């Protein structure tokens, strides 16, 4: 999931010809947040991720895991 998110955001940013700084400004988040997000940092605020995704008409949603649940 994390790698898909990173690839999606990086890909959309590049497709639109935005720098990380421009994306941060448009999304209302800090440049550091965009850098951490694109580097796959595991502990990021979901609300801020959604701010970035909203620029592309998307949002975070739960998806069924392909891993087996042994509980």
Protein backbone atom coordinates (compact mmCIF):
# COMPACT_ATOMS: atom_id res chain seq x y z
CA UNK A 1 0.00 0.00 0.00
CA UNK A 2 2.69 2.47 1.01
CA UNK A 3 4.68 2.01 -2.21
CA UNK A 4 1.52 2.45 -4.29
CA UNK A 5 0.75 5.70 -2.51
CA UNK A 6 4.28 7.01 -3.02
CA UNK A 7 4.25 6.08 -6.71
CA UNK A 8 0.80 7.61 -7.19
CA UNK A 9 1.66 10.95 -5.61
CA UNK A 10 5.08 11.23 -7.24
CA UNK A 11 3.64 10.24 -10.60
CA UNK A 12 0.76 12.72 -10.42
CA UNK A 13 3.07 15.50 -9.27
CA UNK A 14 5.44 14.89 -12.16
CA UNK A 15 2.58 14.49 -14.65
CA UNK A 16 1.35 17.95 -13.66
CA UNK A 17 4.89 19.35 -13.84
CA UNK A 18 4.94 20.38 -10.19
CA UNK A 19 8.00 20.59 -7.98
CA UNK A 20 7.77 19.28 -4.44
CA UNK A 21 7.66 22.90 -3.25
CA UNK A 22 4.77 23.74 -5.57
CA UNK A 23 2.82 20.66 -4.50
CA UNK A 24 3.36 21.50 -0.84
CA UNK A 25 2.13 25.06 -1.39
CA UNK A 26 -0.96 24.01 -3.37
CA UNK A 27 -1.86 21.33 -0.81
CA UNK A 28 -1.28 23.57 2.19
CA UNK A 29 1.35 21.32 3.74
CA UNK A 30 5.04 21.78 4.39
CA UNK A 31 7.80 20.86 1.97
CA UNK A 32 9.23 18.50 4.60
CA UNK A 33 5.90 16.62 4.64
CA UNK A 34 5.97 16.15 0.85
CA UNK A 35 9.58 14.94 0.98
CA UNK A 36 8.77 12.50 3.79
CA UNK A 37 5.68 11.29 1.92
CA UNK A 38 7.55 10.71 -1.33
CA UNK A 39 10.32 8.89 0.54
CA UNK A 40 7.79 6.48 2.03
CA UNK A 41 7.95 7.55 5.67
CA UNK A 42 5.62 5.21 7.54
CA UNK A 43 4.31 7.61 10.17
CA UNK A 44 2.50 10.49 8.51
CA UNK A 45 -0.78 12.19 9.35
CA UNK A 46 -3.67 10.85 7.29
CA UNK A 47 -5.41 14.23 7.19
CA UNK A 48 -2.36 15.77 5.54
CA UNK A 49 -2.08 12.88 3.09
CA UNK A 50 -5.71 13.52 2.19
CA UNK A 51 -4.95 17.21 1.65
CA UNK A 52 -2.39 16.21 -0.96
CA UNK A 53 -4.59 13.52 -2.53
CA UNK A 54 -7.50 15.97 -2.76
CA UNK A 55 -5.54 17.95 -5.37
CA UNK A 56 -5.74 14.87 -7.58
CA UNK A 57 -9.38 14.12 -6.79
CA UNK A 58 -8.57 11.18 -4.50
CA UNK A 59 -8.64 10.26 -0.80
CA UNK A 60 -7.37 7.50 1.46
CA UNK A 61 -9.77 4.58 1.87
CA UNK A 62 -9.53 1.21 3.58
CA UNK A 63 -8.90 -1.67 1.23
CA UNK A 64 -9.01 -5.36 1.91
CA UNK A 65 -5.59 -6.79 2.63
CA UNK A 66 -4.36 -9.72 0.60
CA UNK A 67 -2.57 -11.04 3.68
CA UNK A 68 -4.22 -13.88 5.56
CA UNK A 69 -5.68 -12.94 8.89
CA UNK A 70 -4.84 -15.66 11.44
CA UNK A 71 -6.89 -14.18 14.29
